[in-house]
């Protein structure tokens, strides 16, 4: 009887050992499978842009190209104002931002004259951001989306406002001015303050409507409609609404604002994971001249197309996808 109990006990021990051993092995395999899937999963690149139509088009161009090259993405286009986007990039909330070379003067408080030169400005921001933040600037587009002033064609013709010299004369002779612009432009030595200094005029606060953002679509509509007496507006060199709204860009012969070349900037640790991104985006951005961007922007701002549709049509037409 004792012998039988002993045999039964030993059998139970063996069975228990086998059961837990198999369970442990199964558990280990399951954990390995989960860990393996984690290791093999790809990091999604969070692509962000500003709020305007150009940013929407460029952001979607990047999203479409990365997806076509099997790089997972998260759409963060129209993320916010330049300041909000810049902070998010530095803090790692986004991975890539469609931004502009001339903004380097603000980001790094660098008031040197390099920003009026397209190549020198690009090299300066590229160097500063890499050294200080490990942010890598890729190939820019050859389109100067710089800050300028515009008015209606009717007003420009009536007062012969061809250049900023003419605008200064108009202001100094008591011409009516209600300028809508971004707060950052109004406060900048390379913006309105620079224009005032170089061309010799001065606008007071009553002559300005200052917005917290740089979305010129809203400003240009206000100008075209004369909202709140607006008869001058900040605009950018590649704004797509200019012609369709019957507006006229006032020339800046002294080149006061810096050159703003559209360019993708990416966190260095993300580019290290996907080094092919640089070559994927390079030929496309090189194709984006000022005329091309104005046309693309026009389709969004004036024809009401989505930035994604415009981006996809362009990439297909040019054979990039």
Protein backbone atom coordinates (compact mmCIF):
# COMPACT_ATOMS: atom_id res chain seq x y z
CA UNK A 1 0.00 0.00 0.00
CA UNK A 2 2.80 2.36 0.92
CA UNK A 3 4.61 1.36 -2.25
CA UNK A 4 1.50 2.19 -4.27
CA UNK A 5 1.17 5.59 -2.61
CA UNK A 6 4.82 6.26 -3.27
CA UNK A 7 4.41 5.45 -6.95
CA UNK A 8 1.31 7.63 -7.15
CA UNK A 9 3.13 10.51 -5.43
CA UNK A 10 6.10 10.25 -7.79
CA UNK A 11 3.74 10.19 -10.78
CA UNK A 12 1.97 13.32 -9.56
CA UNK A 13 5.30 15.09 -9.10
CA UNK A 14 6.42 14.16 -12.61
CA UNK A 15 3.11 15.25 -14.14
CA UNK A 16 3.17 18.54 -12.23
CA UNK A 17 6.74 19.22 -13.30
CA UNK A 18 5.91 18.49 -16.93
CA UNK A 19 2.78 20.67 -16.77
CA UNK A 20 4.53 23.72 -15.32
CA UNK A 21 7.53 23.16 -17.52
CA UNK A 22 5.36 23.19 -20.64
CA UNK A 23 3.46 26.20 -19.37
CA UNK A 24 6.70 28.07 -18.71
CA UNK A 25 8.01 27.14 -22.17
CA UNK A 26 4.75 28.29 -23.75
CA UNK A 27 4.86 31.51 -21.75
CA UNK A 28 8.47 32.14 -22.81
CA UNK A 29 7.57 31.55 -26.45
CA UNK A 30 4.66 33.95 -26.16
CA UNK A 31 6.85 36.60 -24.56
CA UNK A 32 9.53 36.11 -27.21
CA UNK A 33 6.91 36.52 -29.89
CA UNK A 34 5.68 39.78 -28.36
CA UNK A 35 9.19 41.09 -27.83
CA UNK A 36 10.13 40.13 -31.35
CA UNK A 37 7.16 41.99 -32.77
CA UNK A 38 8.13 45.05 -30.75
CA UNK A 39 11.66 44.93 -32.07
CA UNK A 40 10.57 44.48 -35.65
CA UNK A 41 7.90 47.20 -35.58
CA UNK A 42 8.80 50.42 -37.38
CA UNK A 43 8.73 53.84 -35.80
CA UNK A 44 6.14 56.08 -37.41
CA UNK A 45 7.45 59.49 -38.51
CA UNK A 46 5.26 62.34 -37.26
CA UNK A 47 5.22 64.90 -40.09
CA UNK A 48 4.03 68.38 -39.16
CA UNK A 49 3.42 71.66 -40.96
CA UNK A 50 2.11 75.16 -40.34
CA UNK A 51 -1.49 76.22 -40.89
CA UNK A 52 -1.36 77.80 -44.36
CA UNK A 53 -2.16 76.21 -47.72
CA UNK A 54 1.48 75.90 -48.80
CA UNK A 55 2.35 74.06 -45.61
CA UNK A 56 -0.59 71.73 -46.16
CA UNK A 57 0.57 70.89 -49.70
CA UNK A 58 4.22 70.39 -48.73
CA UNK A 59 3.33 68.35 -45.68
CA UNK A 60 1.18 66.02 -47.76
CA UNK A 61 3.90 65.70 -50.40
CA UNK A 62 6.20 64.38 -47.67
CA UNK A 63 3.54 62.08 -46.20
CA UNK A 64 2.71 60.53 -49.58
CA UNK A 65 6.37 60.02 -50.55
CA UNK A 66 7.29 58.37 -47.25
CA UNK A 67 4.28 56.06 -47.37
CA UNK A 68 5.11 55.06 -50.96
CA UNK A 69 8.57 54.11 -49.71
CA UNK A 70 7.18 51.95 -46.89
CA UNK A 71 8.02 54.40 -44.13
CA UNK A 72 5.14 54.62 -41.62
CA UNK A 73 3.89 58.13 -40.93
CA UNK A 74 1.56 60.05 -38.65
CA UNK A 75 -0.18 63.05 -40.18
CA UNK A 76 0.46 66.20 -38.13
CA UNK A 77 -0.06 68.70 -40.95
CA UNK A 78 -1.64 72.04 -40.00
CA UNK A 79 -0.18 71.41 -36.53
CA UNK A 80 0.02 75.06 -35.49
CA UNK A 81 1.79 78.38 -35.75
CA UNK A 82 5.57 78.52 -36.44
CA UNK A 83 6.39 79.03 -32.75
CA UNK A 84 4.20 76.11 -31.67
CA UNK A 85 5.64 73.82 -34.35
CA UNK A 86 9.22 74.78 -33.58
CA UNK A 87 8.77 74.06 -29.88
CA UNK A 88 7.15 70.70 -30.66
CA UNK A 89 10.07 69.74 -32.91
CA UNK A 90 12.67 70.62 -30.29
CA UNK A 91 10.76 68.78 -27.54
CA UNK A 92 10.29 65.64 -29.64
CA UNK A 93 6.51 65.91 -29.99
CA UNK A 94 6.91 65.79 -33.78
CA UNK A 95 9.68 64.29 -35.91
CA UNK A 96 9.70 66.36 -39.09
CA UNK A 97 8.58 69.91 -39.82
CA UNK A 98 8.13 71.74 -43.12
CA UNK A 99 9.70 75.07 -42.27
CA UNK A 100 11.71 77.93 -43.82
CA UNK A 101 15.41 78.79 -43.83
CA UNK A 102 14.95 82.48 -43.02
CA UNK A 103 13.29 81.59 -39.72
CA UNK A 104 16.77 80.83 -38.40
CA UNK A 105 17.22 84.50 -37.53
CA UNK A 106 14.43 84.14 -34.93
CA UNK A 107 15.16 80.62 -33.70
CA UNK A 108 18.79 81.49 -32.94
CA UNK A 109 18.52 85.25 -32.37
CA UNK A 110 21.00 85.77 -35.19
CA UNK A 111 20.62 89.20 -36.77
CA UNK A 112 23.51 88.87 -39.23
CA UNK A 113 23.09 89.64 -42.94
CA UNK A 114 23.48 86.02 -44.08
CA UNK A 115 19.73 85.51 -44.11
CA UNK A 116 19.30 87.65 -47.22
CA UNK A 117 21.45 85.17 -49.16
CA UNK A 118 19.66 81.89 -50.00
CA UNK A 119 22.71 79.61 -49.75
CA UNK A 120 24.38 81.32 -46.78
CA UNK A 121 21.12 81.41 -44.85
CA UNK A 122 20.48 77.74 -45.50
CA UNK A 123 23.99 76.75 -44.44
CA UNK A 124 23.74 78.85 -41.27
CA UNK A 125 20.48 77.35 -40.01
CA UNK A 126 21.64 73.88 -41.04
CA UNK A 127 24.82 74.25 -39.00
CA UNK A 128 23.22 75.87 -35.93
CA UNK A 129 20.33 73.42 -35.65
CA UNK A 130 22.54 70.37 -36.06
CA UNK A 131 25.05 71.52 -33.44
CA UNK A 132 22.54 72.76 -30.86
CA UNK A 133 19.52 70.50 -31.32
CA UNK A 134 20.48 67.59 -33.60
CA UNK A 135 17.88 68.84 -36.07
CA UNK A 136 18.88 68.10 -39.67
CA UNK A 137 17.80 70.39 -42.51
CA UNK A 138 17.34 68.51 -45.77
CA UNK A 139 17.32 69.89 -49.34
CA UNK A 140 15.27 73.14 -49.64
CA UNK A 141 13.01 74.18 -52.50
CA UNK A 142 14.36 76.95 -54.78
CA UNK A 143 11.40 79.25 -54.04
CA UNK A 144 11.75 82.39 -51.96
CA UNK A 145 8.60 82.62 -49.89
CA UNK A 146 9.73 85.85 -48.29
CA UNK A 147 7.60 88.47 -46.55
CA UNK A 148 6.34 91.35 -48.65
CA UNK A 149 3.52 93.89 -48.62
CA UNK A 150 0.66 93.93 -51.07
CA UNK A 151 -2.40 96.02 -51.81
CA UNK A 152 -5.25 96.00 -54.29
CA UNK A 153 -4.40 96.55 -57.95
CA UNK A 154 -6.81 99.49 -57.92
CA UNK A 155 -5.00 101.26 -55.07
CA UNK A 156 -1.56 100.48 -56.49
CA UNK A 157 -2.53 101.99 -59.85
CA UNK A 158 -4.22 105.05 -58.34
CA UNK A 159 -1.20 106.02 -56.21
CA UNK A 160 1.55 104.49 -58.37
CA UNK A 161 2.66 102.07 -55.65
CA UNK A 162 5.20 99.91 -57.45
CA UNK A 163 7.94 99.62 -54.82
CA UNK A 164 8.46 100.17 -51.12
CA UNK A 165 9.98 103.55 -51.99
CA UNK A 166 6.58 104.49 -53.40
CA UNK A 167 4.85 103.10 -50.32
CA UNK A 168 7.09 105.24 -48.07
CA UNK A 169 6.19 108.32 -50.11
CA UNK A 170 2.50 107.44 -49.82
CA UNK A 171 2.74 107.07 -46.02
CA UNK A 172 4.76 110.25 -45.55
CA UNK A 173 2.28 112.24 -47.64
CA UNK A 174 -0.53 111.19 -45.30
CA UNK A 175 -1.98 108.33 -47.34
CA UNK A 176 -4.49 106.12 -45.54
CA UNK A 177 -2.94 102.87 -44.26
CA UNK A 178 -4.51 99.95 -42.44
CA UNK A 179 -2.00 97.12 -42.62
CA UNK A 180 -2.87 93.60 -41.48
CA UNK A 181 0.13 91.41 -40.62
CA UNK A 182 1.60 88.93 -38.17
CA UNK A 183 2.78 90.22 -34.80
CA UNK A 184 6.20 88.67 -35.40
CA UNK A 185 6.50 90.57 -38.71
CA UNK A 186 5.50 93.85 -37.09
CA UNK A 187 8.15 93.44 -34.37
CA UNK A 188 11.01 92.23 -36.58
CA UNK A 189 14.00 94.26 -37.69
CA UNK A 190 13.83 92.19 -40.86
CA UNK A 191 10.10 92.77 -41.18
CA UNK A 192 8.09 95.96 -40.75
CA UNK A 193 10.70 97.65 -38.55
CA UNK A 194 13.30 96.93 -41.20
CA UNK A 195 11.07 98.34 -43.94
CA UNK A 196 10.50 101.49 -41.88
CA UNK A 197 14.19 101.98 -41.25
CA UNK A 198 15.41 101.29 -44.78
CA UNK A 199 12.70 103.17 -46.67
CA UNK A 200 12.13 106.00 -44.21
CA UNK A 201 8.54 105.86 -42.95
CA UNK A 202 6.73 105.03 -39.72
CA UNK A 203 3.37 103.39 -39.01
CA UNK A 204 1.62 103.80 -35.67
CA UNK A 205 -0.43 101.18 -33.83
CA UNK A 206 -3.70 102.62 -35.13
CA UNK A 207 -2.55 101.77 -38.65
CA UNK A 208 -1.88 98.12 -37.84
CA UNK A 209 -3.95 95.00 -37.27
CA UNK A 210 -1.57 92.46 -35.76
CA UNK A 211 -2.44 88.76 -35.72
CA UNK A 212 -0.81 86.10 -33.57
CA UNK A 213 -0.25 83.80 -36.56
CA UNK A 214 1.34 84.09 -39.99
CA UNK A 215 -1.49 82.58 -42.03
CA UNK A 216 -1.72 85.07 -44.90
CA UNK A 217 -4.83 83.46 -46.39
CA UNK A 218 -6.91 85.22 -43.75
CA UNK A 219 -5.02 88.48 -44.24
CA UNK A 220 -5.39 88.51 -48.02
CA UNK A 221 -9.11 87.87 -47.82
CA UNK A 222 -9.44 90.80 -45.42
CA UNK A 223 -7.52 92.98 -47.88
CA UNK A 224 -9.59 91.90 -50.87
CA UNK A 225 -12.84 92.60 -49.00
CA UNK A 226 -11.59 95.74 -47.24
CA UNK A 227 -12.54 94.23 -43.88
CA UNK A 228 -12.18 96.78 -41.05
CA UNK A 229 -10.66 99.23 -43.52
CA UNK A 230 -7.70 96.99 -44.40
CA UNK A 231 -5.99 98.26 -47.56
CA UNK A 232 -2.52 96.70 -47.19
CA UNK A 233 -1.48 93.22 -46.12
CA UNK A 234 1.50 91.05 -45.38
CA UNK A 235 1.95 88.43 -48.10
CA UNK A 236 4.49 85.80 -49.07
CA UNK A 237 6.32 85.34 -52.34
CA UNK A 238 4.53 82.10 -53.21
CA UNK A 239 1.01 83.01 -52.06
CA UNK A 240 -1.45 81.47 -54.49
CA UNK A 241 -4.29 83.95 -53.97
CA UNK A 242 -2.59 87.11 -55.19
CA UNK A 243 -3.78 87.14 -58.80
CA UNK A 244 -7.22 85.68 -58.22
CA UNK A 245 -8.01 88.24 -55.52
CA UNK A 246 -6.91 91.14 -57.70
CA UNK A 247 -3.95 92.06 -55.49
CA UNK A 248 -0.58 93.63 -56.28
CA UNK A 249 2.73 92.81 -54.58
CA UNK A 250 4.84 95.87 -53.77
CA UNK A 251 8.46 95.33 -54.78
CA UNK A 252 11.25 95.40 -52.19
CA UNK A 253 14.35 96.56 -54.15
CA UNK A 254 16.49 96.72 -50.98
CA UNK A 255 15.72 93.08 -50.04
CA UNK A 256 14.91 93.81 -46.40
CA UNK A 257 13.35 90.50 -45.24
CA UNK A 258 15.51 87.38 -45.35
CA UNK A 259 15.14 84.62 -47.91
CA UNK A 260 12.65 81.94 -46.89
CA UNK A 261 13.26 78.67 -48.71
CA UNK A 262 10.74 75.88 -47.87
CA UNK A 263 12.64 72.98 -46.36
CA UNK A 264 11.99 69.79 -44.35
CA UNK A 265 13.78 69.68 -41.01
CA UNK A 266 13.98 66.33 -39.21
CA UNK A 267 15.19 65.10 -35.84
CA UNK A 268 18.62 63.49 -36.18
CA UNK A 269 17.67 60.30 -34.33
CA UNK A 270 14.77 59.73 -36.73
CA UNK A 271 16.91 60.36 -39.81
CA UNK A 272 19.35 57.80 -38.42
CA UNK A 273 16.56 55.21 -38.51
CA UNK A 274 15.47 56.21 -42.02
CA UNK A 275 18.51 57.72 -43.77
CA UNK A 276 16.82 57.17 -47.15
CA UNK A 277 14.39 60.01 -46.40
CA UNK A 278 16.93 62.58 -47.53
CA UNK A 279 17.25 61.11 -51.03
CA UNK A 280 13.53 60.41 -51.30
CA UNK A 281 12.60 64.06 -50.75
CA UNK A 282 15.53 65.77 -52.50
CA UNK A 283 14.43 65.63 -56.19
CA UNK A 284 10.87 66.62 -55.32
CA UNK A 285 11.82 69.69 -53.33
CA UNK A 286 14.30 70.69 -56.03
CA UNK A 287 11.39 70.76 -58.49
CA UNK A 288 9.35 73.21 -56.39
CA UNK A 289 10.10 76.60 -57.93
CA UNK A 290 8.21 79.76 -56.95
CA UNK A 291 5.91 79.46 -59.99
CA UNK A 292 5.17 75.82 -59.20
CA UNK A 293 4.35 76.59 -55.56
CA UNK A 294 2.13 79.55 -56.43
CA UNK A 295 0.13 77.28 -58.71
CA UNK A 296 -0.16 74.52 -56.11
CA UNK A 297 -1.10 77.02 -53.41
CA UNK A 298 -3.70 78.57 -55.68
CA UNK A 299 -5.47 75.24 -56.10
CA UNK A 300 -5.90 74.96 -52.34
CA UNK A 301 -6.47 78.59 -51.37
CA UNK A 302 -8.68 79.65 -54.27
CA UNK A 303 -10.10 76.52 -55.91
CA UNK A 304 -10.86 74.79 -52.64
CA UNK A 305 -8.98 71.56 -53.31
CA UNK A 306 -7.49 69.62 -50.41
CA UNK A 307 -3.75 69.83 -49.88
CA UNK A 308 -3.56 66.04 -50.08
CA UNK A 309 -5.25 65.91 -53.49
CA UNK A 310 -3.08 68.70 -54.88
CA UNK A 311 0.07 67.03 -53.58
CA UNK A 312 -0.86 63.64 -55.03
CA UNK A 313 -1.76 65.11 -58.44
CA UNK A 314 1.56 66.94 -58.63
CA UNK A 315 3.61 63.89 -57.67
CA UNK A 316 1.81 61.76 -60.25
CA UNK A 317 2.11 64.37 -62.98
CA UNK A 318 5.87 64.69 -62.43
CA UNK A 319 6.39 60.93 -62.15
CA UNK A 320 7.53 60.92 -58.53
CA UNK A 321 4.95 58.28 -57.61
